[in-house]
Amino acid sequence: MPALTIKNIPEDLYKALKLTAKQHHRSINSEVIVCLKRALLPARISPEETLNNIQALRSQITPEAITAEDIENAINDGRP
């Protein structure tokens, strides 16, 4: 497995990394790998998961929230 050496890490960044690693019960090396994966290899969401998320959001919307009259008023608002 390849190795990587990082030089000249700012002190505040190192402290934040060390603290985060401790909070997640990981070594600093493991925490760096997790951070790099999150930044460089974002998780892909399947179309089914996207559809489930959309349906969950739609179920929270009440259809009566905006009436046809509200839409017509918004369209005509500001017109002479």
N, C-alpha and C. Protein backbone atom coordinates (compact mmCIF):
# COMPACT_ATOMS: atom_id res chain seq x y z
N MET A 1 0.86 -1.17 0.00
CA MET A 1 0.00 0.00 0.00
C MET A 1 0.90 1.24 0.00
N PRO A 2 0.57 2.23 -0.81
CA PRO A 2 1.39 3.45 -0.86
C PRO A 2 1.37 4.20 0.47
N ALA A 3 2.44 4.94 0.69
CA ALA A 3 2.55 5.77 1.89
C ALA A 3 2.63 7.23 1.46
N LEU A 4 2.23 8.12 2.35
CA LEU A 4 2.23 9.54 2.06
C LEU A 4 2.76 10.29 3.27
N THR A 5 3.66 11.22 3.04
CA THR A 5 4.18 12.08 4.10
C THR A 5 3.68 13.49 3.83
N ILE A 6 3.13 14.11 4.85
CA ILE A 6 2.64 15.48 4.72
C ILE A 6 3.52 16.38 5.58
N LYS A 7 4.06 17.41 4.97
CA LYS A 7 4.96 18.32 5.67
C LYS A 7 4.31 19.69 5.84
N ASN A 8 4.81 20.41 6.82
CA ASN A 8 4.40 21.81 7.07
C ASN A 8 2.90 21.97 7.31
N ILE A 9 2.33 21.08 8.10
CA ILE A 9 0.92 21.19 8.47
C ILE A 9 0.78 22.33 9.48
N PRO A 10 -0.11 23.27 9.23
CA PRO A 10 -0.32 24.34 10.21
C PRO A 10 -0.75 23.75 11.56
N GLU A 11 -0.26 24.34 12.62
CA GLU A 11 -0.51 23.83 13.98
C GLU A 11 -2.00 23.72 14.28
N ASP A 12 -2.77 24.73 13.90
CA ASP A 12 -4.21 24.68 14.19
C ASP A 12 -4.91 23.55 13.44
N LEU A 13 -4.48 23.28 12.21
CA LEU A 13 -5.05 22.18 11.44
C LEU A 13 -4.69 20.84 12.07
N TYR A 14 -3.46 20.71 12.52
CA TYR A 14 -3.02 19.47 13.16
C TYR A 14 -3.81 19.23 14.45
N LYS A 15 -4.00 20.28 15.24
CA LYS A 15 -4.77 20.15 16.49
C LYS A 15 -6.21 19.73 16.21
N ALA A 16 -6.80 20.33 15.18
CA ALA A 16 -8.19 19.99 14.83
C ALA A 16 -8.27 18.53 14.36
N LEU A 17 -7.29 18.12 13.58
CA LEU A 17 -7.26 16.74 13.09
C LEU A 17 -7.08 15.76 14.25
N LYS A 18 -6.20 16.10 15.17
CA LYS A 18 -5.94 15.24 16.32
C LYS A 18 -7.19 15.13 17.20
N LEU A 19 -7.88 16.24 17.40
CA LEU A 19 -9.10 16.24 18.21
C LEU A 19 -10.20 15.42 17.54
N THR A 20 -10.39 15.61 16.25
CA THR A 20 -11.40 14.86 15.51
C THR A 20 -11.10 13.37 15.54
N ALA A 21 -9.83 13.01 15.37
CA ALA A 21 -9.44 11.60 15.42
C ALA A 21 -9.78 11.01 16.79
N LYS A 22 -9.51 11.75 17.83
CA LYS A 22 -9.80 11.27 19.18
C LYS A 22 -11.31 11.09 19.38
N GLN A 23 -12.11 12.04 18.88
CA GLN A 23 -13.56 11.96 19.02
C GLN A 23 -14.14 10.75 18.29
N HIS A 24 -13.50 10.36 17.19
CA HIS A 24 -13.97 9.22 16.40
C HIS A 24 -13.25 7.92 16.77
N HIS A 25 -12.41 7.98 17.79
CA HIS A 25 -11.66 6.81 18.24
C HIS A 25 -10.81 6.21 17.11
N ARG A 26 -10.12 7.11 16.39
CA ARG A 26 -9.25 6.69 15.30
C ARG A 26 -7.86 7.26 15.51
N SER A 27 -6.92 6.65 14.82
CA SER A 27 -5.57 7.23 14.79
C SER A 27 -5.61 8.46 13.88
N ILE A 28 -4.61 9.30 13.98
CA ILE A 28 -4.54 10.47 13.10
C ILE A 28 -4.46 10.00 11.64
N ASN A 29 -3.68 8.97 11.40
CA ASN A 29 -3.56 8.44 10.04
C ASN A 29 -4.92 8.00 9.50
N SER A 30 -5.67 7.26 10.29
CA SER A 30 -7.00 6.80 9.85
C SER A 30 -7.94 7.98 9.63
N GLU A 31 -7.85 8.99 10.46
CA GLU A 31 -8.70 10.17 10.31
C GLU A 31 -8.36 10.91 9.02
N VAL A 32 -7.08 11.00 8.69
CA VAL A 32 -6.68 11.65 7.44
C VAL A 32 -7.25 10.89 6.25
N ILE A 33 -7.21 9.57 6.30
CA ILE A 33 -7.74 8.76 5.20
C ILE A 33 -9.25 8.98 5.06
N VAL A 34 -9.97 9.01 6.17
CA VAL A 34 -11.41 9.26 6.13
C VAL A 34 -11.68 10.65 5.52
N CYS A 35 -10.95 11.65 5.94
CA CYS A 35 -11.13 13.02 5.41
C CYS A 35 -10.86 13.07 3.91
N LEU A 36 -9.80 12.41 3.48
CA LEU A 36 -9.47 12.39 2.05
C LEU A 36 -10.54 11.67 1.25
N LYS A 37 -11.03 10.56 1.77
CA LYS A 37 -12.09 9.83 1.07
C LYS A 37 -13.34 10.69 0.92
N ARG A 38 -13.72 11.39 2.00
CA ARG A 38 -14.91 12.25 1.94
C ARG A 38 -14.73 13.35 0.90
N ALA A 39 -13.54 13.91 0.84
CA ALA A 39 -13.30 15.03 -0.06
C ALA A 39 -13.12 14.59 -1.51
N LEU A 40 -12.49 13.45 -1.72
CA LEU A 40 -12.12 13.07 -3.07
C LEU A 40 -12.98 11.97 -3.69
N LEU A 41 -13.64 11.18 -2.85
CA LEU A 41 -14.45 10.08 -3.35
C LEU A 41 -15.86 10.17 -2.78
N PRO A 42 -16.61 11.19 -3.19
CA PRO A 42 -17.96 11.33 -2.63
C PRO A 42 -18.82 10.12 -2.96
N ALA A 43 -19.67 9.77 -2.03
CA ALA A 43 -20.56 8.62 -2.21
C ALA A 43 -21.58 8.93 -3.30
N ARG A 44 -21.79 7.97 -4.16
CA ARG A 44 -22.79 8.13 -5.21
C ARG A 44 -24.13 7.62 -4.68
N ILE A 45 -25.17 8.38 -4.97
CA ILE A 45 -26.50 8.00 -4.53
C ILE A 45 -27.21 7.34 -5.70
N SER A 46 -27.79 6.19 -5.45
CA SER A 46 -28.49 5.46 -6.50
C SER A 46 -29.76 6.22 -6.90
N PRO A 47 -30.23 5.99 -8.12
CA PRO A 47 -31.49 6.63 -8.53
C PRO A 47 -32.65 6.26 -7.62
N GLU A 48 -32.66 5.02 -7.12
CA GLU A 48 -33.74 4.60 -6.22
C GLU A 48 -33.69 5.40 -4.92
N GLU A 49 -32.49 5.62 -4.39
CA GLU A 49 -32.36 6.39 -3.15
C GLU A 49 -32.77 7.84 -3.38
N THR A 50 -32.40 8.39 -4.51
CA THR A 50 -32.80 9.76 -4.84
C THR A 50 -34.32 9.87 -4.92
N LEU A 51 -34.95 8.90 -5.58
CA LEU A 51 -36.41 8.89 -5.68
C LEU A 51 -37.06 8.76 -4.31
N ASN A 52 -36.52 7.91 -3.45
CA ASN A 52 -37.05 7.76 -2.09
C ASN A 52 -36.94 9.07 -1.32
N ASN A 53 -35.82 9.78 -1.49
CA ASN A 53 -35.64 11.08 -0.81
C ASN A 53 -36.65 12.10 -1.31
N ILE A 54 -36.87 12.12 -2.62
CA ILE A 54 -37.85 13.05 -3.19
C ILE A 54 -39.26 12.74 -2.68
N GLN A 55 -39.61 11.47 -2.67
CA GLN A 55 -40.93 11.07 -2.19
C GLN A 55 -41.12 11.41 -0.71
N ALA A 56 -40.06 11.25 0.07
CA ALA A 56 -40.15 11.60 1.49
C ALA A 56 -40.37 13.10 1.67
N LEU A 57 -39.69 13.90 0.86
CA LEU A 57 -39.88 15.35 0.94
C LEU A 57 -41.29 15.74 0.49
N ARG A 58 -41.75 15.13 -0.59
CA ARG A 58 -43.10 15.44 -1.09
C ARG A 58 -44.18 15.10 -0.07
N SER A 59 -43.97 14.04 0.69
CA SER A 59 -44.98 13.64 1.67
C SER A 59 -45.11 14.66 2.80
N GLN A 60 -44.12 15.52 2.94
CA GLN A 60 -44.16 16.54 3.99
C GLN A 60 -44.84 17.83 3.53
N ILE A 61 -45.12 17.93 2.24
CA ILE A 61 -45.74 19.14 1.69
C ILE A 61 -47.25 18.97 1.69
N THR A 62 -47.93 19.98 2.19
CA THR A 62 -49.39 19.93 2.16
C THR A 62 -49.85 20.55 0.84
N PRO A 63 -50.67 19.84 0.09
CA PRO A 63 -51.10 20.35 -1.22
C PRO A 63 -51.89 21.65 -1.13
N GLU A 64 -52.52 21.89 0.00
CA GLU A 64 -53.33 23.09 0.16
C GLU A 64 -52.50 24.32 0.50
N ALA A 65 -51.20 24.17 0.60
CA ALA A 65 -50.35 25.29 1.00
C ALA A 65 -50.41 26.43 0.00
N ILE A 66 -50.50 26.12 -1.29
CA ILE A 66 -50.59 27.15 -2.33
C ILE A 66 -51.79 26.82 -3.20
N THR A 67 -52.66 27.79 -3.33
CA THR A 67 -53.85 27.58 -4.15
C THR A 67 -53.62 28.10 -5.56
N ALA A 68 -54.51 27.73 -6.46
CA ALA A 68 -54.44 28.24 -7.82
C ALA A 68 -54.57 29.76 -7.82
N GLU A 69 -55.38 30.27 -6.91
CA GLU A 69 -55.55 31.73 -6.80
C GLU A 69 -54.25 32.39 -6.38
N ASP A 70 -53.53 31.77 -5.44
CA ASP A 70 -52.23 32.30 -5.02
C ASP A 70 -51.26 32.37 -6.20
N ILE A 71 -51.26 31.34 -7.02
CA ILE A 71 -50.37 31.30 -8.18
C ILE A 71 -50.76 32.39 -9.18
N GLU A 72 -52.05 32.52 -9.43
CA GLU A 72 -52.51 33.55 -10.37
C GLU A 72 -52.16 34.94 -9.85
N ASN A 73 -52.34 35.18 -8.56
CA ASN A 73 -52.00 36.48 -7.98
C ASN A 73 -50.50 36.75 -8.09
N ALA A 74 -49.69 35.73 -7.88
CA ALA A 74 -48.25 35.90 -7.99
C ALA A 74 -47.84 36.23 -9.42
N ILE A 75 -48.50 35.59 -10.40
CA ILE A 75 -48.20 35.86 -11.80
C ILE A 75 -48.59 37.28 -12.17
N ASN A 76 -49.74 37.70 -11.70
CA ASN A 76 -50.26 39.03 -12.06
C ASN A 76 -49.69 40.15 -11.21
N ASP A 77 -49.05 39.83 -10.13
CA ASP A 77 -48.52 40.86 -9.23
C ASP A 77 -47.51 41.74 -9.98
N GLY A 78 -47.76 43.04 -9.95
CA GLY A 78 -46.84 43.97 -10.57
C GLY A 78 -47.16 44.26 -12.03
N ARG A 79 -48.12 43.55 -12.60
CA ARG A 79 -48.49 43.82 -14.00
C ARG A 79 -49.51 44.95 -14.03
N PRO A 80 -49.46 45.78 -15.08
CA PRO A 80 -50.43 46.90 -15.18
C PRO A 80 -51.83 46.43 -15.49
